[in-house]
């Protein structure tokens, strides 16, 4: 069991995707159909998937923004580097151009 100090130090982690272009919509559909189950296995949650956005600063021109939340960075890395997501990740990378980051936050 974790102490209160350990619980307080644990920060949520986020996977943020700046999707620039879907190059293969059919393969992306296969990815989209499987990603929710892979997230659940690591207690991940989809916070943002598409939707309207407005760029306020800089030259950022995403076509779509995706934000996933995990309990902590270990859970996020476990999902991203894990076997359950391995094949799905290949599909996403083969069917789109994007930027992605992992970041800790509150």
N, C-alpha and C. Protein backbone atom coordinates (compact mmCIF):
# COMPACT_ATOMS: atom_id res chain seq x y z
N UNK A 1 0.84 -1.18 0.00
CA UNK A 1 0.00 0.00 0.00
C UNK A 1 0.89 1.25 0.00
N UNK A 2 0.51 2.24 -0.78
CA UNK A 2 1.31 3.45 -0.90
C UNK A 2 0.97 4.43 0.22
N UNK A 3 1.99 5.15 0.66
CA UNK A 3 1.79 6.17 1.69
C UNK A 3 1.14 7.39 1.06
N UNK A 4 0.64 8.29 1.89
CA UNK A 4 0.05 9.53 1.39
C UNK A 4 1.06 10.34 0.59
N UNK A 5 2.32 10.36 1.03
CA UNK A 5 3.36 11.12 0.32
C UNK A 5 3.57 10.56 -1.08
N UNK A 6 3.56 9.22 -1.20
CA UNK A 6 3.72 8.61 -2.52
C UNK A 6 2.53 8.92 -3.42
N UNK A 7 1.33 8.88 -2.87
CA UNK A 7 0.13 9.19 -3.64
C UNK A 7 0.14 10.64 -4.11
N UNK A 8 0.59 11.55 -3.24
CA UNK A 8 0.63 12.97 -3.60
C UNK A 8 1.64 13.24 -4.71
N UNK A 9 2.73 12.46 -4.75
CA UNK A 9 3.77 12.68 -5.75
C UNK A 9 3.38 12.12 -7.12
N UNK A 10 2.47 11.17 -7.13
CA UNK A 10 2.06 10.57 -8.40
C UNK A 10 1.25 11.58 -9.20
N UNK A 11 1.70 11.84 -10.41
CA UNK A 11 1.02 12.80 -11.27
C UNK A 11 0.39 12.08 -12.44
N UNK A 12 -0.75 12.56 -12.87
CA UNK A 12 -1.36 12.03 -14.08
C UNK A 12 -0.41 12.26 -15.25
N UNK A 13 -0.55 11.46 -16.28
CA UNK A 13 0.26 11.61 -17.48
C UNK A 13 -0.66 11.64 -18.69
N UNK A 14 -0.24 12.39 -19.70
CA UNK A 14 -1.07 12.62 -20.87
C UNK A 14 -0.30 12.30 -22.14
N UNK A 15 -0.99 11.68 -23.08
CA UNK A 15 -0.46 11.44 -24.42
C UNK A 15 -1.22 12.38 -25.34
N UNK A 16 -0.51 13.32 -25.93
CA UNK A 16 -1.14 14.35 -26.75
C UNK A 16 -0.67 14.17 -28.20
N UNK A 17 -1.64 14.02 -29.08
CA UNK A 17 -1.36 13.79 -30.50
C UNK A 17 -1.86 14.98 -31.30
N UNK A 18 -1.01 15.47 -32.14
CA UNK A 18 -1.30 16.53 -33.10
C UNK A 18 -1.35 15.82 -34.46
N UNK A 19 -2.56 15.44 -34.86
CA UNK A 19 -2.70 14.68 -36.10
C UNK A 19 -2.73 15.64 -37.29
N UNK A 20 -1.76 15.50 -38.15
CA UNK A 20 -1.62 16.39 -39.30
C UNK A 20 -2.39 15.91 -40.51
N UNK A 21 -2.38 14.59 -40.72
CA UNK A 21 -3.02 14.05 -41.92
C UNK A 21 -3.27 12.56 -41.74
N UNK A 22 -4.44 12.11 -42.16
CA UNK A 22 -4.72 10.68 -42.26
C UNK A 22 -4.46 10.30 -43.71
N UNK A 23 -3.49 9.41 -43.91
CA UNK A 23 -3.09 9.03 -45.26
C UNK A 23 -3.79 7.77 -45.75
N UNK A 24 -4.34 6.98 -44.82
CA UNK A 24 -5.04 5.74 -45.16
C UNK A 24 -6.25 5.61 -44.24
N UNK A 25 -7.39 6.17 -44.63
CA UNK A 25 -8.58 6.18 -43.77
C UNK A 25 -9.07 4.78 -43.36
N UNK A 26 -8.97 3.81 -44.24
CA UNK A 26 -9.45 2.46 -43.91
C UNK A 26 -8.61 1.83 -42.80
N UNK A 27 -7.30 1.97 -42.88
CA UNK A 27 -6.43 1.44 -41.83
C UNK A 27 -6.66 2.21 -40.53
N UNK A 28 -6.88 3.50 -40.62
CA UNK A 28 -7.15 4.29 -39.42
C UNK A 28 -8.44 3.84 -38.74
N UNK A 29 -9.43 3.40 -39.50
CA UNK A 29 -10.68 2.88 -38.92
C UNK A 29 -10.40 1.63 -38.10
N UNK A 30 -9.53 0.77 -38.59
CA UNK A 30 -9.16 -0.44 -37.85
C UNK A 30 -8.48 -0.06 -36.54
N UNK A 31 -7.58 0.91 -36.61
CA UNK A 31 -6.91 1.42 -35.40
C UNK A 31 -7.94 1.95 -34.41
N UNK A 32 -8.82 2.81 -34.89
CA UNK A 32 -9.81 3.45 -34.01
C UNK A 32 -10.72 2.42 -33.34
N UNK A 33 -11.03 1.35 -34.03
CA UNK A 33 -11.90 0.32 -33.47
C UNK A 33 -11.24 -0.45 -32.32
N UNK A 34 -9.93 -0.50 -32.29
CA UNK A 34 -9.24 -1.28 -31.27
C UNK A 34 -8.60 -0.50 -30.14
N UNK A 35 -8.45 0.80 -30.31
CA UNK A 35 -7.67 1.57 -29.34
C UNK A 35 -8.34 1.66 -27.97
N UNK A 36 -9.66 1.73 -27.91
CA UNK A 36 -10.35 1.88 -26.62
C UNK A 36 -10.05 0.71 -25.68
N UNK A 37 -10.07 -0.51 -26.21
CA UNK A 37 -9.77 -1.67 -25.38
C UNK A 37 -8.33 -1.63 -24.86
N UNK A 38 -7.40 -1.19 -25.70
CA UNK A 38 -6.01 -1.12 -25.25
C UNK A 38 -5.84 -0.07 -24.15
N UNK A 39 -6.60 1.02 -24.24
CA UNK A 39 -6.55 2.06 -23.20
C UNK A 39 -7.09 1.53 -21.87
N UNK A 40 -8.24 0.86 -21.93
CA UNK A 40 -8.86 0.34 -20.70
C UNK A 40 -7.93 -0.59 -19.95
N UNK A 41 -7.15 -1.37 -20.68
CA UNK A 41 -6.23 -2.32 -20.04
C UNK A 41 -5.18 -1.62 -19.19
N UNK A 42 -4.96 -0.32 -19.42
CA UNK A 42 -3.96 0.46 -18.67
C UNK A 42 -4.62 1.62 -17.93
N UNK A 43 -5.92 1.51 -17.73
CA UNK A 43 -6.70 2.55 -17.04
C UNK A 43 -6.55 3.91 -17.74
N UNK A 44 -6.41 3.88 -19.06
CA UNK A 44 -6.32 5.11 -19.83
C UNK A 44 -7.70 5.62 -20.22
N UNK A 45 -7.79 6.92 -20.39
CA UNK A 45 -9.07 7.55 -20.74
C UNK A 45 -8.85 8.53 -21.88
N UNK A 46 -9.80 8.54 -22.80
CA UNK A 46 -9.74 9.50 -23.89
C UNK A 46 -10.44 10.77 -23.43
N UNK A 47 -9.71 11.87 -23.34
CA UNK A 47 -10.29 13.14 -22.92
C UNK A 47 -10.73 13.99 -24.10
N UNK A 48 -9.94 13.98 -25.16
CA UNK A 48 -10.23 14.78 -26.34
C UNK A 48 -9.97 13.92 -27.57
N UNK A 49 -10.93 13.92 -28.48
CA UNK A 49 -10.75 13.22 -29.76
C UNK A 49 -11.44 14.05 -30.83
N UNK A 50 -10.66 14.88 -31.47
CA UNK A 50 -11.23 15.74 -32.49
C UNK A 50 -11.94 16.92 -31.86
N UNK A 51 -13.01 17.35 -32.47
CA UNK A 51 -13.76 18.48 -31.96
C UNK A 51 -13.20 19.80 -32.48
N UNK A 52 -13.98 20.83 -32.27
CA UNK A 52 -13.57 22.16 -32.74
C UNK A 52 -12.41 22.67 -31.89
N UNK A 53 -11.51 23.38 -32.51
CA UNK A 53 -10.41 24.01 -31.79
C UNK A 53 -10.09 25.33 -32.46
N UNK A 54 -9.37 26.15 -31.74
CA UNK A 54 -8.99 27.46 -32.25
C UNK A 54 -7.55 27.73 -31.86
N UNK A 55 -6.68 27.88 -32.83
CA UNK A 55 -5.27 28.18 -32.56
C UNK A 55 -5.17 29.65 -32.17
N UNK A 56 -4.58 29.92 -31.02
CA UNK A 56 -4.44 31.29 -30.51
C UNK A 56 -3.04 31.85 -30.68
N UNK A 57 -2.04 30.96 -30.72
CA UNK A 57 -0.66 31.43 -30.82
C UNK A 57 0.13 30.48 -31.71
N UNK A 58 1.09 31.01 -32.40
CA UNK A 58 2.03 30.21 -33.18
C UNK A 58 1.49 29.73 -34.51
N UNK A 59 2.23 28.81 -35.09
CA UNK A 59 1.93 28.28 -36.41
C UNK A 59 1.36 26.87 -36.36
N UNK A 60 0.74 26.52 -35.28
CA UNK A 60 0.22 25.17 -35.09
C UNK A 60 -0.98 24.97 -36.00
N UNK A 61 -0.95 23.91 -36.82
CA UNK A 61 -2.05 23.67 -37.75
C UNK A 61 -2.51 22.21 -37.72
N UNK A 62 -2.91 21.71 -36.57
CA UNK A 62 -3.39 20.32 -36.54
C UNK A 62 -4.73 20.21 -37.25
N UNK A 63 -4.99 19.05 -37.79
CA UNK A 63 -6.32 18.77 -38.34
C UNK A 63 -7.20 18.20 -37.23
N UNK A 64 -6.54 17.56 -36.26
CA UNK A 64 -7.26 16.91 -35.17
C UNK A 64 -6.32 16.80 -33.98
N UNK A 65 -6.88 16.96 -32.79
CA UNK A 65 -6.10 16.85 -31.56
C UNK A 65 -6.69 15.72 -30.73
N UNK A 66 -5.81 14.88 -30.18
CA UNK A 66 -6.22 13.77 -29.32
C UNK A 66 -5.47 13.91 -28.01
N UNK A 67 -6.18 13.78 -26.89
CA UNK A 67 -5.55 13.82 -25.57
C UNK A 67 -6.03 12.60 -24.79
N UNK A 68 -5.08 11.77 -24.37
CA UNK A 68 -5.35 10.60 -23.56
C UNK A 68 -4.78 10.83 -22.17
N UNK A 69 -5.48 10.37 -21.15
CA UNK A 69 -5.02 10.54 -19.76
C UNK A 69 -4.78 9.18 -19.12
N UNK A 70 -3.71 9.09 -18.35
CA UNK A 70 -3.36 7.89 -17.61
C UNK A 70 -3.08 8.28 -16.17
N UNK A 71 -3.15 7.30 -15.27
CA UNK A 71 -2.93 7.57 -13.85
C UNK A 71 -1.56 8.16 -13.58
N UNK A 72 -0.55 7.70 -14.32
CA UNK A 72 0.81 8.20 -14.13
C UNK A 72 1.64 7.85 -15.37
N UNK A 73 2.86 8.31 -15.39
CA UNK A 73 3.73 8.10 -16.55
C UNK A 73 4.03 6.61 -16.75
N UNK A 74 4.15 5.86 -15.66
CA UNK A 74 4.40 4.42 -15.81
C UNK A 74 3.26 3.74 -16.55
N UNK A 75 2.02 4.11 -16.22
CA UNK A 75 0.86 3.53 -16.91
C UNK A 75 0.85 3.92 -18.38
N UNK A 76 1.15 5.18 -18.66
CA UNK A 76 1.19 5.65 -20.05
C UNK A 76 2.25 4.90 -20.84
N UNK A 77 3.45 4.80 -20.29
CA UNK A 77 4.52 4.10 -21.00
C UNK A 77 4.21 2.61 -21.13
N UNK A 78 3.56 2.05 -20.11
CA UNK A 78 3.15 0.64 -20.18
C UNK A 78 2.19 0.40 -21.33
N UNK A 79 1.27 1.35 -21.55
CA UNK A 79 0.34 1.25 -22.67
C UNK A 79 1.08 1.42 -24.00
N UNK A 80 1.83 2.51 -24.13
CA UNK A 80 2.48 2.84 -25.41
C UNK A 80 3.49 1.78 -25.83
N UNK A 81 4.24 1.26 -24.89
CA UNK A 81 5.29 0.29 -25.19
C UNK A 81 4.83 -1.16 -25.05
N UNK A 82 3.58 -1.36 -24.64
CA UNK A 82 3.08 -2.71 -24.35
C UNK A 82 2.66 -3.50 -25.58
N UNK A 83 2.52 -4.79 -25.37
CA UNK A 83 2.13 -5.71 -26.44
C UNK A 83 0.74 -5.40 -26.99
N UNK A 84 -0.19 -5.04 -26.11
CA UNK A 84 -1.57 -4.80 -26.55
C UNK A 84 -1.67 -3.66 -27.55
N UNK A 85 -0.81 -2.66 -27.41
CA UNK A 85 -0.86 -1.50 -28.30
C UNK A 85 0.12 -1.62 -29.47
N UNK A 86 1.02 -2.57 -29.42
CA UNK A 86 2.09 -2.67 -30.41
C UNK A 86 1.56 -2.71 -31.85
N UNK A 87 0.62 -3.60 -32.13
CA UNK A 87 0.09 -3.72 -33.49
C UNK A 87 -0.76 -2.50 -33.86
N UNK A 88 -1.52 -2.00 -32.90
CA UNK A 88 -2.32 -0.80 -33.17
C UNK A 88 -1.43 0.39 -33.49
N UNK A 89 -0.36 0.53 -32.75
CA UNK A 89 0.57 1.64 -33.00
C UNK A 89 1.12 1.58 -34.43
N UNK A 90 1.45 0.39 -34.89
CA UNK A 90 1.93 0.23 -36.26
C UNK A 90 0.88 0.72 -37.26
N UNK A 91 -0.38 0.40 -36.99
CA UNK A 91 -1.47 0.85 -37.87
C UNK A 91 -1.56 2.37 -37.89
N UNK A 92 -1.50 2.97 -36.69
CA UNK A 92 -1.61 4.44 -36.61
C UNK A 92 -0.46 5.12 -37.34
N UNK A 93 0.74 4.63 -37.10
CA UNK A 93 1.91 5.25 -37.73
C UNK A 93 1.92 5.05 -39.24
N UNK A 94 1.38 3.93 -39.71
CA UNK A 94 1.35 3.66 -41.15
C UNK A 94 0.22 4.41 -41.86
N UNK A 95 -0.78 4.86 -41.12
CA UNK A 95 -1.96 5.44 -41.76
C UNK A 95 -2.13 6.94 -41.51
N UNK A 96 -1.14 7.56 -40.84
CA UNK A 96 -1.28 8.99 -40.58
C UNK A 96 0.08 9.64 -40.36
N UNK A 97 0.08 10.95 -40.47
CA UNK A 97 1.25 11.76 -40.10
C UNK A 97 0.84 12.56 -38.88
N UNK A 98 1.67 12.50 -37.83
CA UNK A 98 1.30 13.20 -36.61
C UNK A 98 2.54 13.47 -35.77
N UNK A 99 2.34 14.30 -34.77
CA UNK A 99 3.32 14.54 -33.72
C UNK A 99 2.67 14.07 -32.43
N UNK A 100 3.47 13.58 -31.50
CA UNK A 100 2.91 13.13 -30.23
C UNK A 100 3.92 13.36 -29.11
N UNK A 101 3.39 13.69 -27.94
CA UNK A 101 4.23 13.85 -26.76
C UNK A 101 3.60 13.15 -25.57
N UNK A 102 4.43 12.81 -24.61
CA UNK A 102 4.00 12.33 -23.30
C UNK A 102 4.36 13.42 -22.31
N UNK A 103 3.42 13.79 -21.45
CA UNK A 103 3.68 14.86 -20.49
C UNK A 103 2.98 14.55 -19.17
N UNK A 104 3.66 14.86 -18.07
CA UNK A 104 3.04 14.73 -16.75
C UNK A 104 2.31 16.02 -16.41
N UNK A 105 1.27 15.89 -15.63
CA UNK A 105 0.52 17.07 -15.21
C UNK A 105 -0.37 16.75 -14.04
N UNK A 106 -1.19 17.70 -13.68
CA UNK A 106 -2.10 17.50 -12.55
C UNK A 106 -3.47 17.13 -13.03
